[in-house]
Amino acid sequence: MTAPSTRYRCPLGRLQPERTDPEIIKRDGWREDGILVISPNDDRLDWVERELVERIGERLYGQREADHG
């Protein structure tokens, strides 16, 4: 038995925006909705900024699983 040569295309796919780059989505989320998505491991942050992101995350959501060791 052989697999079909064409892939099934979900009808909902046409409703998603063409923007698939995560950085573009995060930028637009900040500009349009005030939603900020930051990884504490982002190389663009200095030590103080990383620490601030970690503290905010822990205050709002508790410690991360990796921190429970």
Protein backbone atom coordinates (compact mmCIF):
# COMPACT_ATOMS: atom_id res chain seq x y z
CA MET A 1 0.00 0.00 0.00
CA THR A 2 1.37 3.42 -0.89
CA ALA A 3 0.68 6.74 0.79
CA PRO A 4 -1.24 9.38 -1.14
CA SER A 5 0.99 11.73 -3.11
CA THR A 6 -0.77 14.91 -1.94
CA ARG A 7 -0.92 16.13 1.63
CA TYR A 8 -4.24 16.83 3.26
CA ARG A 9 -4.71 20.58 3.72
CA CYS A 10 -6.77 21.55 6.72
CA PRO A 11 -9.56 24.00 5.75
CA LEU A 12 -8.75 26.07 8.85
CA GLY A 13 -5.27 26.79 7.52
CA ARG A 14 -6.53 29.55 5.27
CA LEU A 15 -7.87 31.41 8.32
CA GLN A 16 -4.42 31.64 9.92
CA PRO A 17 -2.28 34.64 9.11
CA GLU A 18 0.61 34.10 6.74
CA ARG A 19 2.99 35.46 9.39
CA THR A 20 4.69 32.39 10.77
CA ASP A 21 7.90 33.94 12.11
CA PRO A 22 7.59 33.91 15.92
CA GLU A 23 9.42 37.21 16.27
CA ILE A 24 6.90 38.92 13.99
CA ILE A 25 4.00 37.42 15.93
CA LYS A 26 5.53 38.55 19.26
CA ARG A 27 6.20 42.05 17.88
CA ASP A 28 2.66 42.39 16.59
CA GLY A 29 1.24 41.06 19.87
CA TRP A 30 3.11 43.77 21.75
CA ARG A 31 2.22 46.57 19.36
CA GLU A 32 -1.42 45.66 18.84
CA ASP A 33 -2.48 44.04 22.12
CA GLY A 34 0.13 44.97 24.72
CA ILE A 35 1.10 41.32 25.18
CA LEU A 36 4.80 40.81 25.88
CA VAL A 37 6.44 37.42 25.33
CA ILE A 38 9.98 37.18 26.69
CA SER A 39 12.31 34.29 27.30
CA PRO A 40 14.70 34.85 30.19
CA ASN A 41 17.33 33.18 27.98
CA ASP A 42 17.01 35.75 25.19
CA ASP A 43 20.53 36.84 24.17
CA ARG A 44 19.31 40.39 23.59
CA LEU A 45 18.77 40.86 27.34
CA ASP A 46 21.53 41.79 29.75
CA TRP A 47 21.91 40.17 33.18
CA VAL A 48 19.68 42.70 34.98
CA GLU A 49 16.88 42.33 32.42
CA ARG A 50 17.06 38.52 32.59
CA GLU A 51 16.83 38.62 36.37
CA LEU A 52 13.82 40.96 36.18
CA VAL A 53 12.03 38.65 33.74
CA GLU A 54 12.74 35.67 36.02
CA ARG A 55 11.39 37.47 39.08
CA ILE A 56 8.24 38.65 37.31
CA GLY A 57 7.58 35.14 36.00
CA GLU A 58 8.07 33.58 39.43
CA ARG A 59 5.87 36.16 41.10
CA LEU A 60 3.01 35.68 38.65
CA TYR A 61 3.28 31.95 37.93
CA GLY A 62 5.57 30.34 40.53
CA GLN A 63 8.86 28.59 39.98
CA ARG A 64 9.58 26.86 36.70
CA GLU A 65 9.84 23.06 36.62
CA ALA A 66 13.60 23.22 35.93
CA ASP A 67 14.05 25.17 39.18
CA HIS A 68 12.45 22.47 41.33
CA GLY A 69 15.44 20.11 40.73
